[in-house]
Amino acid sequence: MAKIAIISRGPVGPDFNGGAMLVWGLVNALKKYKDIEIELILYFQDLKKHSDIDTTIKYLDRLNINPTILKIEEKDNAFVFFKNFFRFNYSYFYQTYKIKNQILKKLKVNNYDLIITYHFDSLTLINNQFKNKTIAMLGDQPHEPRIFRRNILKKNKVKRYILDSIDNFYYKLVEYQLLKNINLVFYFAFYYSLKKTFYKNSYLNTPLDDKFKNEDIKSFLKLKYSQKNNDKNDIYLLGGLHGTVTISGLIFLNQYLKTSKKNLKFNFNIIGQGSLIKELKNLKNFSNVSFIERIDDLNEVFKNKKFLLVPNTIVLGTRVRIITALMYGLIVITHKSNLSGTPELETEKNCLVFENQYEFEEILERIRDNKINLLKISLNARNTFEKYYENSIVIEK
């Protein structure tokens, strides 16, 4: 029997629909193989919110996943910081030296046949002696959120140029150190797999658990979208308010609301914890914008609502919230930037795509005037999920 370890930073439970959902899908798909023994290793470094660990364990228990939990508080250490900086180690971005010791002990004792690491922070825990049996599964590049954040907030150009140059140069050295002995790298965002690399890489669709395994999803969607006036004017957005991608999207929405001269009577419901940056504080002044700090089970939102808006204008990884929405047959209204990571998206077929404020408003008008076949797009969204993203389909690939 083959033993596989999946290593990931510990995400929080059912209200988290980012990379965590990808990890759960990966674990559950591999569990179906009788000749494979799976161990999910989750490590928690920030213990300020101890409830996050309990929430995660309870959520995984409902999925019949029994993880190994490693938790330790990493305190800032100047010596370790500079040591990792000059060794071009990814621990420079995330302090992982204590967790690494625990991970390496576990890998030596258990002698896994295959190790799967989710994202760069997990990959930095693997020494060269284990890399010949490691598959790296990667999302965003570690330096990119910082670069995009400086850009969208219009920081000083000279300062931005200097810091961006340092980040790009340093990251290339870090990437080489981490991936030089890896046999295979999977990218969840398509455009990353197109770049020339010194290692073998491939695009892998994001594997998610199908929440409608035993239900007639098509009949559910037909009923849902035949109710023309039910939640027709409610549009939902999702993401921590402090996140770079969320900030990019909220800047777009803010500009649209400030400049639009049409009152289309759509309500924008923003789900996400955190505080708005000062440049976006005025969003709270719009009567059709509401903030929902926390929802215990986002699945209810995905299941019962009709529209998900993903308005980020920057190209950064793949948006798991989009793929989750496809599963539920939601109408995804997305900026063109998200097609680079998810080429399976096709406007007017399985989603609605805009490139600027004019096109966004045009979509809203057409929805209001019943000029878009929402049921057709919803059913195609679900079909796209079944064809490309259902976890067992992805794992077979």
Protein backbone atom coordinates (compact mmCIF):
# COMPACT_ATOMS: atom_id res chain seq x y z
CA MET A 1 0.00 0.00 0.00
CA ALA A 2 1.35 3.41 -1.03
CA LYS A 3 1.63 6.03 1.72
CA ILE A 4 0.97 9.63 0.70
CA ALA A 5 1.43 12.69 2.89
CA ILE A 6 -0.34 15.95 2.01
CA ILE A 7 1.17 18.96 3.78
CA SER A 8 -0.68 22.26 4.07
CA ARG A 9 -0.82 25.32 6.26
CA GLY A 10 -3.84 24.99 8.54
CA PRO A 11 -6.78 26.97 7.14
CA VAL A 12 -9.97 27.73 9.02
CA GLY A 13 -13.17 25.78 8.66
CA PRO A 14 -16.43 25.99 6.76
CA ASP A 15 -16.39 29.75 6.21
CA PHE A 16 -13.11 29.54 4.33
CA ASN A 17 -13.46 28.83 0.60
CA GLY A 18 -9.96 29.50 -0.65
CA GLY A 19 -7.11 27.03 -1.00
CA ALA A 20 -8.49 25.02 1.92
CA MET A 21 -11.34 23.73 -0.26
CA LEU A 22 -8.77 22.58 -2.78
CA VAL A 23 -6.91 20.60 -0.12
CA TRP A 24 -10.10 18.93 1.14
CA GLY A 25 -11.01 17.96 -2.43
CA LEU A 26 -7.57 16.50 -2.97
CA VAL A 27 -7.71 14.42 0.21
CA ASN A 28 -11.22 13.09 -0.38
CA ALA A 29 -10.49 12.11 -3.98
CA LEU A 30 -7.36 10.18 -3.01
CA LYS A 31 -9.22 8.44 -0.17
CA LYS A 32 -11.27 6.56 -2.77
CA TYR A 33 -8.25 4.52 -3.83
CA LYS A 34 -8.08 1.41 -1.66
CA ASP A 35 -4.37 0.87 -2.28
CA ILE A 36 -3.45 4.33 -0.97
CA GLU A 37 -3.02 5.44 2.63
CA ILE A 38 -3.48 9.21 3.02
CA GLU A 39 -2.24 11.41 5.85
CA LEU A 40 -3.17 15.08 5.87
CA ILE A 41 -0.68 17.13 7.88
CA LEU A 42 -1.93 20.59 8.84
CA TYR A 43 0.33 23.03 10.62
CA PHE A 44 -0.80 26.15 12.46
CA GLN A 45 1.70 28.90 13.19
CA ASP A 46 -0.44 31.81 14.29
CA LEU A 47 -2.13 30.70 17.50
CA LYS A 48 -3.79 34.03 18.28
CA LYS A 49 -7.09 32.48 17.22
CA HIS A 50 -7.13 29.08 18.90
CA SER A 51 -10.73 28.63 17.77
CA ASP A 52 -9.48 28.34 14.17
CA ILE A 53 -7.97 24.96 14.97
CA ASP A 54 -11.16 23.68 16.65
CA THR A 55 -13.28 24.97 13.76
CA THR A 56 -11.04 23.25 11.23
CA ILE A 57 -11.08 19.93 13.09
CA LYS A 58 -14.88 19.99 13.40
CA TYR A 59 -15.27 20.79 9.73
CA LEU A 60 -12.90 18.02 8.65
CA ASP A 61 -14.70 15.60 10.95
CA ARG A 62 -17.87 16.20 8.93
CA LEU A 63 -15.86 15.32 5.81
CA ASN A 64 -14.52 12.16 7.50
CA ILE A 65 -10.97 13.49 7.36
CA ASN A 66 -8.78 12.84 10.38
CA PRO A 67 -5.75 15.17 10.06
CA THR A 68 -2.48 15.33 11.91
CA ILE A 69 -2.36 18.75 13.57
CA LEU A 70 0.96 20.46 14.28
CA LYS A 71 0.80 23.76 16.13
CA ILE A 72 3.54 26.00 17.30
CA GLU A 73 4.04 29.71 17.79
CA GLU A 74 6.81 31.13 15.64
CA LYS A 75 8.31 34.18 17.31
CA ASP A 76 10.25 36.75 15.32
CA ASN A 77 13.92 35.96 15.42
CA ALA A 78 16.35 38.34 13.73
CA PHE A 79 19.09 35.72 13.44
CA VAL A 80 16.84 33.19 11.67
CA PHE A 81 15.34 35.94 9.50
CA PHE A 82 18.71 37.04 8.12
CA LYS A 83 19.99 33.46 7.85
CA ASN A 84 17.05 32.53 5.65
CA PHE A 85 17.30 35.78 3.71
CA PHE A 86 20.88 35.15 2.64
CA ARG A 87 20.25 31.45 1.99
CA PHE A 88 17.38 32.46 -0.34
CA ASN A 89 14.95 30.38 1.68
CA TYR A 90 11.21 30.89 1.48
CA SER A 91 11.18 30.98 5.28
CA TYR A 92 12.17 34.59 4.72
CA PHE A 93 8.53 35.15 3.73
CA TYR A 94 7.03 32.83 6.36
CA GLN A 95 8.80 31.94 9.60
CA THR A 96 8.67 28.13 9.49
CA TYR A 97 11.87 26.94 11.15
CA LYS A 98 10.24 25.28 14.21
CA ILE A 99 7.45 23.68 12.20
CA LYS A 100 10.06 22.40 9.75
CA ASN A 101 11.80 20.42 12.47
CA GLN A 102 8.54 18.66 13.36
CA ILE A 103 7.70 17.96 9.71
CA LEU A 104 11.11 16.49 8.94
CA LYS A 105 10.95 14.19 11.97
CA LYS A 106 7.56 12.91 10.78
CA LEU A 107 8.78 12.36 7.21
CA LYS A 108 11.81 10.38 8.40
CA VAL A 109 9.77 8.13 10.70
CA ASN A 110 6.91 7.38 8.30
CA ASN A 111 8.90 6.97 5.06
CA TYR A 112 6.11 8.13 2.72
CA ASP A 113 6.11 6.99 -0.90
CA LEU A 114 4.83 10.36 -2.08
CA ILE A 115 4.70 13.81 -0.52
CA ILE A 116 2.34 16.50 -1.81
CA THR A 117 2.94 20.06 -0.67
CA TYR A 118 0.31 22.75 -1.07
CA HIS A 119 1.82 26.14 -1.88
CA PHE A 120 5.34 27.47 -1.31
CA ASP A 121 5.11 27.79 2.46
CA SER A 122 4.65 24.01 2.73
CA LEU A 123 7.34 23.30 0.15
CA THR A 124 9.92 25.18 2.23
CA LEU A 125 9.50 22.51 4.95
CA ILE A 126 10.91 19.80 2.67
CA ASN A 127 14.66 19.13 2.60
CA ASN A 128 16.49 17.99 -0.54
CA GLN A 129 16.54 14.39 0.70
CA PHE A 130 12.74 14.21 0.28
CA LYS A 131 12.33 16.25 -2.89
CA ASN A 132 12.72 13.31 -5.26
CA LYS A 133 9.40 11.98 -3.95
CA THR A 134 7.64 15.35 -3.67
CA ILE A 135 5.01 16.87 -5.94
CA ALA A 136 4.61 20.62 -5.49
CA MET A 137 1.14 22.07 -6.01
CA LEU A 138 1.33 25.82 -6.30
CA GLY A 139 -0.99 28.81 -6.48
CA ASP A 140 0.13 32.44 -6.41
CA GLN A 141 3.80 33.32 -6.51
CA PRO A 142 4.86 34.54 -3.05
CA HIS A 143 6.01 38.01 -4.08
CA GLU A 144 3.14 38.93 -6.37
CA PRO A 145 0.49 40.01 -3.83
CA ARG A 146 2.90 42.57 -2.41
CA ILE A 147 3.77 43.93 -5.86
CA PHE A 148 0.14 44.19 -6.93
CA ARG A 149 -0.83 45.79 -3.64
CA ARG A 150 1.73 48.55 -4.15
CA ASN A 151 0.44 49.05 -7.68
CA ILE A 152 -3.31 49.19 -6.99
CA LEU A 153 -2.78 51.52 -4.03
CA LYS A 154 -0.61 53.75 -6.26
CA LYS A 155 2.36 53.90 -3.92
CA ASN A 156 5.32 56.16 -4.75
CA LYS A 157 6.58 55.11 -8.22
CA VAL A 158 10.28 55.23 -7.39
CA LYS A 159 9.83 53.32 -4.15
CA ARG A 160 7.56 50.86 -5.97
CA TYR A 161 10.11 50.24 -8.72
CA ILE A 162 12.91 49.60 -6.24
CA LEU A 163 10.87 47.26 -4.01
CA ASP A 164 9.36 45.40 -6.98
CA SER A 165 12.81 44.84 -8.49
CA ILE A 166 14.13 43.46 -5.22
CA ASP A 167 11.10 41.19 -4.80
CA ASN A 168 11.34 39.82 -8.35
CA PHE A 169 15.09 39.23 -8.16
CA TYR A 170 14.94 37.64 -4.72
CA TYR A 171 11.97 35.45 -5.62
CA LYS A 172 13.76 33.95 -8.63
CA LEU A 173 16.58 32.84 -6.34
CA VAL A 174 14.11 31.44 -3.80
CA GLU A 175 12.19 29.60 -6.51
CA TYR A 176 15.37 28.00 -7.80
CA GLN A 177 16.37 26.82 -4.33
CA LEU A 178 12.95 25.32 -3.61
CA LEU A 179 12.20 23.68 -6.96
CA LYS A 180 15.58 22.63 -8.37
CA ASN A 181 15.22 18.98 -7.24
CA ILE A 182 11.45 18.64 -7.62
CA ASN A 183 10.34 16.19 -10.31
CA LEU A 184 6.90 17.67 -10.96
CA VAL A 185 5.11 20.94 -10.24
CA PHE A 186 1.37 21.41 -10.70
CA TYR A 187 0.03 24.93 -11.10
CA PHE A 188 -3.63 25.56 -10.33
CA ALA A 189 -3.60 28.76 -12.40
CA PHE A 190 -3.25 28.06 -16.11
CA TYR A 191 -1.02 30.98 -17.09
CA TYR A 192 1.71 29.93 -14.64
CA SER A 193 2.09 26.62 -16.50
CA LEU A 194 2.91 28.49 -19.72
CA LYS A 195 6.11 30.06 -18.42
CA LYS A 196 9.49 28.55 -19.25
CA THR A 197 10.89 26.74 -16.22
CA PHE A 198 13.87 24.60 -15.31
CA TYR A 199 11.48 21.98 -13.88
CA LYS A 200 8.61 19.96 -15.33
CA ASN A 201 5.29 21.69 -14.74
CA SER A 202 1.67 21.23 -15.71
CA TYR A 203 -1.70 22.92 -15.25
CA LEU A 204 -4.01 21.08 -12.85
CA ASN A 205 -7.67 21.99 -12.42
CA THR A 206 -8.65 22.82 -8.87
CA PRO A 207 -10.16 19.70 -7.23
CA LEU A 208 -13.30 20.38 -5.16
CA ASP A 209 -15.72 18.07 -3.37
CA ASP A 210 -19.10 17.97 -5.06
CA LYS A 211 -21.71 19.15 -2.56
CA PHE A 212 -24.49 17.77 -4.78
CA LYS A 213 -23.28 14.16 -5.08
CA ASN A 214 -26.64 12.63 -4.23
CA GLU A 215 -28.95 15.42 -5.34
CA ASP A 216 -30.62 16.36 -8.61
CA ILE A 217 -28.72 19.61 -9.11
CA LYS A 218 -30.19 20.29 -12.56
CA SER A 219 -33.78 20.22 -11.25
CA PHE A 220 -32.75 22.39 -8.31
CA LEU A 221 -31.26 25.00 -10.65
CA LYS A 222 -34.25 24.99 -12.98
CA LEU A 223 -36.51 25.73 -10.05
CA LYS A 224 -34.15 28.34 -8.63
CA TYR A 225 -33.77 30.35 -11.83
CA SER A 226 -37.44 30.09 -12.81
CA GLN A 227 -38.23 32.22 -9.76
CA LYS A 228 -37.58 35.46 -11.58
CA ASN A 229 -38.00 37.86 -8.68
CA ASN A 230 -36.30 35.84 -5.98
CA ASP A 231 -33.00 37.56 -5.04
CA LYS A 232 -32.70 38.89 -8.57
CA ASN A 233 -31.15 42.15 -7.43
CA ASP A 234 -28.81 40.73 -4.80
CA ILE A 235 -25.19 40.28 -5.81
CA TYR A 236 -22.63 38.77 -3.44
CA LEU A 237 -18.88 39.33 -3.15
CA LEU A 238 -16.54 37.18 -1.08
CA GLY A 239 -13.12 37.72 0.47
CA GLY A 240 -11.22 39.03 3.50
CA LEU A 241 -11.31 42.82 3.36
CA HIS A 242 -7.56 43.06 3.95
CA GLY A 243 -6.64 40.77 1.02
CA THR A 244 -4.97 42.18 -2.08
CA VAL A 245 -7.40 40.53 -4.50
CA THR A 246 -10.42 41.74 -2.51
CA ILE A 247 -9.02 45.28 -2.36
CA SER A 248 -8.52 45.27 -6.13
CA GLY A 249 -12.15 44.23 -6.63
CA LEU A 250 -13.55 46.72 -4.13
CA ILE A 251 -11.62 49.55 -5.79
CA PHE A 252 -13.34 48.64 -9.06
CA LEU A 253 -16.76 48.47 -7.38
CA ASN A 254 -16.15 51.76 -5.57
CA GLN A 255 -15.24 53.53 -8.80
CA TYR A 256 -18.30 52.11 -10.54
CA LEU A 257 -20.68 53.21 -7.80
CA LYS A 258 -19.16 56.71 -7.69
CA THR A 259 -19.32 57.28 -11.46
CA SER A 260 -22.47 55.44 -12.57
CA LYS A 261 -25.37 57.75 -13.34
CA LYS A 262 -27.89 54.93 -13.60
CA ASN A 263 -29.81 53.59 -10.65
CA LEU A 264 -30.10 49.90 -11.54
CA LYS A 265 -31.25 48.97 -8.02
CA PHE A 266 -28.74 46.17 -7.43
CA ASN A 267 -27.61 45.40 -3.88
CA PHE A 268 -23.97 44.45 -3.29
CA ASN A 269 -23.44 42.20 -0.26
CA ILE A 270 -19.77 41.89 0.73
CA ILE A 271 -18.91 38.86 2.88
CA GLY A 272 -15.53 39.04 4.57
CA GLN A 273 -13.78 39.77 7.83
CA GLY A 274 -11.30 42.54 8.43
CA SER A 275 -11.25 46.31 8.09
CA LEU A 276 -11.52 48.44 4.99
CA ILE A 277 -8.43 50.40 4.00
CA LYS A 278 -8.89 54.16 4.24
CA GLU A 279 -9.21 54.52 0.45
CA LEU A 280 -12.37 52.37 0.56
CA LYS A 281 -14.07 53.65 3.72
CA ASN A 282 -16.66 55.54 1.66
CA LEU A 283 -18.12 52.22 0.41
CA LYS A 284 -20.10 52.19 3.63
CA ASN A 285 -21.87 55.37 2.51
CA PHE A 286 -23.67 53.67 -0.38
CA SER A 287 -27.16 52.56 0.60
CA ASN A 288 -27.00 49.52 -1.72
CA VAL A 289 -23.75 48.18 -0.21
CA SER A 290 -23.80 46.00 2.91
CA PHE A 291 -21.01 44.25 4.80
CA ILE A 292 -21.45 40.80 6.32
CA GLU A 293 -18.49 40.05 8.56
CA ARG A 294 -18.97 36.34 9.02
CA ILE A 295 -21.28 33.55 7.90
CA ASP A 296 -20.93 30.21 9.68
CA ASP A 297 -21.69 28.16 6.59
CA LEU A 298 -20.96 29.74 3.21
CA ASN A 299 -22.45 26.72 1.49
CA GLU A 300 -25.90 28.14 2.29
CA VAL A 301 -24.99 31.36 0.49
CA PHE A 302 -23.70 29.51 -2.55
CA LYS A 303 -26.74 27.27 -2.62
CA ASN A 304 -29.50 29.84 -2.15
CA LYS A 305 -28.20 32.96 -3.91
CA LYS A 306 -27.95 33.63 -7.63
CA PHE A 307 -25.02 35.92 -8.40
CA LEU A 308 -21.37 36.01 -7.36
CA LEU A 309 -19.34 39.05 -8.38
CA VAL A 310 -15.54 38.60 -8.66
CA PRO A 311 -14.36 42.07 -9.76
CA ASN A 312 -10.62 41.96 -9.08
CA THR A 313 -8.77 43.62 -11.96
CA ILE A 314 -5.38 42.01 -11.23
CA VAL A 315 -4.22 38.62 -12.49
CA LEU A 316 -3.29 36.64 -9.40
CA GLY A 317 -3.58 32.85 -9.20
CA THR A 318 -6.94 31.14 -9.60
CA ARG A 319 -10.05 32.14 -7.67
CA VAL A 320 -11.38 29.09 -5.83
CA ARG A 321 -14.57 31.05 -5.07
CA ILE A 322 -15.33 31.02 -8.82
CA ILE A 323 -14.93 27.26 -9.08
CA THR A 324 -17.05 26.78 -5.95
CA ALA A 325 -19.72 28.97 -7.53
CA LEU A 326 -19.64 26.85 -10.71
CA MET A 327 -20.35 23.81 -8.55
CA TYR A 328 -23.49 25.46 -7.22
CA GLY A 329 -24.56 26.73 -10.62
CA LEU A 330 -24.24 30.36 -9.55
CA ILE A 331 -24.05 33.09 -12.18
CA VAL A 332 -20.45 34.29 -11.90
CA ILE A 333 -19.92 37.90 -12.99
CA THR A 334 -16.17 38.26 -13.31
CA HIS A 335 -13.52 40.64 -14.56
CA LYS A 336 -11.56 39.41 -17.57
CA SER A 337 -8.41 39.08 -15.42
CA ASN A 338 -9.69 35.80 -13.95
CA LEU A 339 -9.81 34.05 -17.33
CA SER A 340 -6.00 33.83 -17.40
CA GLY A 341 -5.97 31.42 -14.47
CA THR A 342 -9.20 29.63 -15.37
CA PRO A 343 -9.40 29.13 -19.16
CA GLU A 344 -12.54 26.99 -18.82
CA LEU A 345 -14.56 30.17 -18.27
CA GLU A 346 -16.45 31.40 -21.35
CA THR A 347 -18.53 34.54 -21.29
CA GLU A 348 -22.22 34.15 -22.10
CA LYS A 349 -21.76 30.39 -21.81
CA ASN A 350 -20.91 29.53 -18.20
CA CYS A 351 -20.30 33.01 -16.75
CA LEU A 352 -20.54 36.72 -17.56
CA VAL A 353 -17.30 38.60 -18.22
CA PHE A 354 -16.58 42.33 -18.24
CA GLU A 355 -13.41 44.29 -18.88
CA ASN A 356 -14.42 47.78 -17.77
CA GLN A 357 -17.13 49.69 -15.94
CA TYR A 358 -19.19 50.19 -19.12
CA GLU A 359 -19.33 46.44 -19.80
CA PHE A 360 -20.12 45.71 -16.15
CA GLU A 361 -23.05 48.11 -16.19
CA GLU A 362 -24.25 46.63 -19.47
CA ILE A 363 -24.36 43.17 -17.86
CA LEU A 364 -26.39 44.52 -14.94
CA GLU A 365 -28.83 46.21 -17.32
CA ARG A 366 -29.32 43.03 -19.32
CA ILE A 367 -29.95 41.06 -16.12
CA ARG A 368 -32.48 43.66 -14.99
CA ASP A 369 -34.25 43.60 -18.37
CA ASN A 370 -34.31 39.76 -18.57
CA LYS A 371 -32.11 39.78 -21.69
CA ILE A 372 -29.78 37.05 -20.41
CA ASN A 373 -30.77 33.41 -20.18
CA LEU A 374 -29.65 32.90 -16.60
CA LEU A 375 -30.80 29.28 -16.44
CA LYS A 376 -28.69 28.35 -19.47
CA ILE A 377 -25.58 29.95 -17.96
CA SER A 378 -26.29 28.31 -14.59
CA LEU A 379 -26.61 24.82 -16.10
CA ASN A 380 -23.48 25.34 -18.20
CA ALA A 381 -21.62 26.48 -15.08
CA ARG A 382 -22.57 23.25 -13.35
CA ASN A 383 -21.58 21.20 -16.42
CA THR A 384 -18.19 22.95 -16.48
CA PHE A 385 -17.61 21.97 -12.86
CA GLU A 386 -18.53 18.33 -13.49
CA LYS A 387 -16.27 18.15 -16.55
CA TYR A 388 -13.18 19.87 -15.19
CA TYR A 389 -13.22 20.38 -11.40
CA GLU A 390 -15.00 17.52 -9.64
CA ASN A 391 -12.28 16.07 -7.43
CA SER A 392 -12.15 12.50 -8.78
CA ILE A 393 -11.95 13.80 -12.37
CA VAL A 394 -8.97 15.99 -11.45
CA ILE A 395 -7.16 13.22 -9.56
CA GLU A 396 -7.56 10.81 -12.48
CA LYS A 397 -5.81 13.40 -14.63
